[in-house]
Amino acid sequence: MNDKKVVGEKAVEYVKDGMVVGLGTGSTVFHTISKLGKLVEEGLSIKGIPTSIQTEKLAKEVGIPLVTFNEIEQIDLAIDGADEVDDDFNLIKGGGGALLREKIIAKAAKSFIVIADPHKRVNKLGSFPLPVEVVPFGYEMTMKHIQNLGCSPQLRQNKGAPFLTDNGNYIIDCIFPIIGQPGELEKNMNLIPGVVENGLFVGMADKVITLNREKNIIINGRV
């Protein structure tokens, strides 16, 4: 069994009958959603809110009932992956381009569980380029302002054209030498006109499920 499947299915143990569940995006959460679909088939009663069109499609395929924000009071639990997780549970997310919806759902959830294979654990964030979602209008100028924060920004491409998020925006991938103060960078990045949101999730994860070198499940959480 691969690492992503192990941690993805472990997170399902926190899903209880009657919950509204935020469904993340990516190859690790794929296993979570697939497992939840099997449990729904066996009688588990949950409602899901997807973080992307891709996840919405998968959830429908496996039979998870979906709702909108207009139909609920709160999200009980959100489960999502990460591109990097540091020792303080700060995250870089957005490798798949769904960072805005992922952050909206994680913020709305009473509890946010992050599932990550061991390669995603780092001492300090920054090895993975930080995704930043920007509006297309004037993005060239937005990139210049982003560069002033100490990174090398690159416009994400898809088949020779700018990559488009589910919200119709662009993604700027920002290469930093290291991100020593993620909380400060998150705030400063979002102060730039044209920036919609960035992929730094600071102080949001309640639990991180991963594996150690011996492939044993490790669960770290805030008390």
Protein backbone atom coordinates (compact mmCIF):
# COMPACT_ATOMS: atom_id res chain seq x y z
CA MET A 1 0.00 0.00 0.00
CA ASN A 2 1.46 3.39 -0.95
CA ASP A 3 2.06 6.22 1.51
CA LYS A 4 -0.66 8.46 0.11
CA LYS A 5 -3.28 5.72 0.38
CA VAL A 6 -2.30 4.95 4.01
CA VAL A 7 -2.58 8.54 5.28
CA GLY A 8 -5.55 9.35 3.04
CA GLU A 9 -7.60 6.47 4.42
CA LYS A 10 -6.47 7.12 8.02
CA ALA A 11 -8.14 10.54 7.93
CA VAL A 12 -11.49 8.88 7.24
CA GLU A 13 -11.53 7.63 10.84
CA TYR A 14 -12.27 11.20 11.97
CA VAL A 15 -15.41 11.45 9.83
CA LYS A 16 -18.56 10.77 11.83
CA ASP A 17 -22.18 10.20 10.85
CA GLY A 18 -24.04 13.44 10.12
CA MET A 19 -20.94 15.55 9.44
CA VAL A 20 -20.49 18.18 6.76
CA VAL A 21 -17.03 17.46 5.34
CA GLY A 22 -14.78 19.74 3.30
CA LEU A 23 -13.23 17.62 0.58
CA GLY A 24 -9.74 18.63 -0.50
CA THR A 25 -8.02 18.35 -3.85
CA GLY A 26 -5.06 16.23 -4.94
CA SER A 27 -3.59 12.77 -5.22
CA THR A 28 -3.56 12.06 -1.46
CA VAL A 29 -7.13 13.20 -0.79
CA PHE A 30 -8.21 11.06 -3.73
CA HIS A 31 -7.83 8.05 -1.43
CA THR A 32 -9.82 9.78 1.34
CA ILE A 33 -12.71 10.54 -1.00
CA SER A 34 -12.66 7.06 -2.51
CA LYS A 35 -12.84 5.50 0.96
CA LEU A 36 -15.63 7.84 2.02
CA GLY A 37 -17.58 6.85 -1.06
CA LYS A 38 -17.42 3.20 0.00
CA LEU A 39 -18.59 4.06 3.51
CA VAL A 40 -21.48 6.14 2.15
CA GLU A 41 -22.48 3.13 0.09
CA GLU A 42 -22.47 1.11 3.33
CA GLY A 43 -24.70 3.62 5.12
CA LEU A 44 -22.54 6.51 6.37
CA SER A 45 -24.55 9.75 6.25
CA ILE A 46 -22.41 12.78 5.38
CA LYS A 47 -22.52 15.83 3.15
CA GLY A 48 -19.49 17.08 1.27
CA ILE A 49 -18.28 20.48 0.06
CA PRO A 50 -15.61 20.17 -2.64
CA THR A 51 -12.61 22.47 -2.99
CA SER A 52 -12.43 22.15 -6.78
CA ILE A 53 -14.32 21.10 -9.87
CA GLN A 54 -12.04 18.06 -10.05
CA THR A 55 -13.03 17.02 -6.51
CA GLU A 56 -16.70 17.71 -7.18
CA LYS A 57 -16.57 15.31 -10.12
CA LEU A 58 -14.82 12.59 -8.08
CA ALA A 59 -17.22 12.95 -5.14
CA LYS A 60 -20.21 12.55 -7.44
CA GLU A 61 -18.62 9.49 -9.06
CA VAL A 62 -18.22 7.73 -5.70
CA GLY A 63 -21.66 8.75 -4.44
CA ILE A 64 -20.92 11.40 -1.80
CA PRO A 65 -23.88 13.84 -1.49
CA LEU A 66 -22.74 17.44 -2.03
CA VAL A 67 -24.06 20.70 -0.63
CA THR A 68 -23.28 24.40 -1.05
CA PHE A 69 -22.44 27.01 1.59
CA ASN A 70 -25.99 28.31 1.21
CA GLU A 71 -27.36 25.01 2.53
CA ILE A 72 -25.28 24.62 5.70
CA GLU A 73 -24.45 26.45 8.92
CA GLN A 74 -20.87 25.20 9.24
CA ILE A 75 -18.30 22.64 8.08
CA ASP A 76 -17.51 20.09 10.76
CA LEU A 77 -14.28 18.78 9.30
CA ALA A 78 -12.06 19.57 6.31
CA ILE A 79 -9.50 17.08 5.01
CA ASP A 80 -6.85 18.16 2.53
CA GLY A 81 -3.30 17.51 1.43
CA ALA A 82 -0.31 19.85 1.34
CA ASP A 83 2.74 20.49 -0.81
CA GLU A 84 4.85 21.27 2.27
CA VAL A 85 4.30 21.03 6.03
CA ASP A 86 6.78 22.58 8.48
CA ASP A 87 7.44 21.73 12.14
CA ASP A 88 4.83 24.28 13.27
CA PHE A 89 2.12 22.78 11.01
CA ASN A 90 2.30 25.72 8.60
CA LEU A 91 1.58 24.68 5.02
CA ILE A 92 2.25 25.50 1.41
CA LYS A 93 -0.71 24.50 -0.73
CA GLY A 94 -1.85 25.21 -4.27
CA GLY A 95 0.26 22.90 -6.39
CA GLY A 96 -2.96 21.80 -8.04
CA GLY A 97 -4.23 25.37 -8.37
CA ALA A 98 -7.16 25.12 -5.91
CA LEU A 99 -5.64 27.16 -3.08
CA LEU A 100 -8.37 29.82 -2.84
CA ARG A 101 -11.27 27.40 -2.45
CA GLU A 102 -9.13 25.19 -0.22
CA LYS A 103 -8.42 28.10 2.13
CA ILE A 104 -12.05 29.22 2.21
CA ILE A 105 -13.15 25.73 3.21
CA ALA A 106 -10.31 25.16 5.71
CA LYS A 107 -11.12 28.48 7.40
CA ALA A 108 -14.82 27.60 7.62
CA ALA A 109 -14.18 24.18 9.18
CA LYS A 110 -14.33 23.50 12.93
CA SER A 111 -11.39 21.12 12.43
CA PHE A 112 -8.84 20.93 9.61
CA ILE A 113 -6.88 17.72 9.07
CA VAL A 114 -3.87 17.68 6.75
CA ILE A 115 -2.71 14.43 5.18
CA ALA A 116 0.81 14.30 3.79
CA ASP A 117 3.29 11.66 2.71
CA PRO A 118 6.67 11.90 4.50
CA HIS A 119 8.35 13.76 1.64
CA LYS A 120 6.13 16.78 2.32
CA ARG A 121 7.55 17.33 5.82
CA VAL A 122 10.20 20.08 6.01
CA ASN A 123 11.93 22.08 8.74
CA LYS A 124 11.27 25.36 6.96
CA LEU A 125 8.90 26.15 4.10
CA GLY A 126 10.24 27.26 0.74
CA SER A 127 11.58 24.31 -1.22
CA PHE A 128 8.22 24.09 -2.99
CA PRO A 129 7.39 27.25 -5.00
CA LEU A 130 4.64 29.27 -3.27
CA PRO A 131 1.51 29.49 -5.48
CA VAL A 132 -0.23 32.87 -5.53
CA GLU A 133 -3.60 33.35 -7.23
CA VAL A 134 -3.89 36.68 -9.06
CA VAL A 135 -6.47 38.34 -11.29
CA PRO A 136 -5.49 38.36 -14.98
CA PHE A 137 -5.87 42.15 -15.31
CA GLY A 138 -2.49 43.79 -14.82
CA TYR A 139 -0.85 40.56 -13.71
CA GLU A 140 2.49 41.73 -15.11
CA MET A 141 2.53 44.59 -12.60
CA THR A 142 1.32 42.30 -9.83
CA MET A 143 4.27 40.02 -10.53
CA LYS A 144 6.68 42.93 -10.14
CA HIS A 145 5.23 43.76 -6.73
CA ILE A 146 5.44 40.10 -5.74
CA GLN A 147 9.08 39.97 -6.81
CA ASN A 148 9.83 42.81 -4.39
CA LEU A 149 9.03 40.42 -1.54
CA GLY A 150 12.23 38.52 -2.35
CA CYS A 151 11.21 35.78 -4.75
CA SER A 152 11.48 34.78 -8.39
CA PRO A 153 7.87 34.75 -9.70
CA GLN A 154 6.82 32.64 -12.68
CA LEU A 155 3.45 32.60 -14.42
CA ARG A 156 2.12 29.04 -14.38
CA GLN A 157 1.47 27.67 -17.86
CA ASN A 158 -0.86 25.03 -19.25
CA LYS A 159 -0.28 23.86 -22.82
CA GLY A 160 1.33 27.13 -23.85
CA ALA A 161 -1.27 29.40 -22.25
CA PRO A 162 -1.63 30.79 -18.72
CA PHE A 163 -3.02 28.21 -16.29
CA LEU A 164 -6.56 29.14 -15.23
CA THR A 165 -7.95 28.33 -11.79
CA ASP A 166 -11.55 27.24 -11.25
CA ASN A 167 -12.19 30.92 -10.47
CA GLY A 168 -10.79 32.12 -13.80
CA ASN A 169 -7.59 33.56 -12.31
CA TYR A 170 -3.87 33.04 -12.94
CA ILE A 171 -1.32 31.36 -10.67
CA ILE A 172 2.10 32.88 -10.00
CA ASP A 173 4.58 30.33 -8.63
CA CYS A 174 7.06 32.11 -6.38
CA ILE A 175 10.50 30.64 -5.69
CA PHE A 176 11.87 31.79 -2.33
CA PRO A 177 15.28 30.81 -0.92
CA ILE A 178 13.47 29.98 2.33
CA ILE A 179 10.32 31.22 4.06
CA GLY A 180 11.42 32.07 7.59
CA GLN A 181 8.34 34.03 8.65
CA PRO A 182 5.35 32.52 6.83
CA GLY A 183 2.76 34.51 8.81
CA GLU A 184 4.31 37.84 7.85
CA LEU A 185 4.74 36.81 4.22
CA GLU A 186 1.13 35.62 4.00
CA LYS A 187 -0.13 39.03 5.14
CA ASN A 188 2.25 41.07 2.99
CA MET A 189 1.48 39.01 -0.12
CA ASN A 190 -2.26 39.57 0.27
CA LEU A 191 -1.77 43.34 0.59
CA ILE A 192 -0.63 43.52 -3.04
CA PRO A 193 -3.37 44.75 -5.39
CA GLY A 194 -4.24 41.98 -7.84
CA VAL A 195 -3.41 39.17 -5.42
CA VAL A 196 -6.54 37.18 -4.63
CA GLU A 197 -4.95 34.71 -2.18
CA ASN A 198 -1.69 32.86 -1.58
CA GLY A 199 -0.87 29.27 -0.71
CA LEU A 200 0.48 29.87 2.78
CA PHE A 201 -1.81 28.24 5.36
CA VAL A 202 -0.47 29.57 8.67
CA GLY A 203 -1.83 28.26 11.97
CA MET A 204 -4.79 26.57 10.29
CA ALA A 205 -4.02 22.85 10.52
CA ASP A 206 -5.37 21.12 13.64
CA LYS A 207 -3.91 17.70 12.87
CA VAL A 208 -1.25 16.43 10.46
CA ILE A 209 -1.32 12.76 9.51
CA THR A 210 1.88 11.41 7.97
CA LEU A 211 4.30 8.48 8.18
CA ASN A 212 7.73 8.10 9.76
CA ARG A 213 10.72 6.40 8.14
CA GLU A 214 9.49 3.01 9.33
CA LYS A 215 6.16 3.69 7.57
CA ASN A 216 4.25 3.95 10.84
CA ILE A 217 1.40 6.44 10.98
CA ILE A 218 2.24 9.61 12.90
CA ILE A 219 -0.51 11.98 14.01
CA ASN A 220 0.52 15.38 15.34
CA GLY A 221 -2.01 17.91 16.52
CA ARG A 222 -2.65 21.08 18.43
CA VAL A 223 -3.85 20.56 21.99
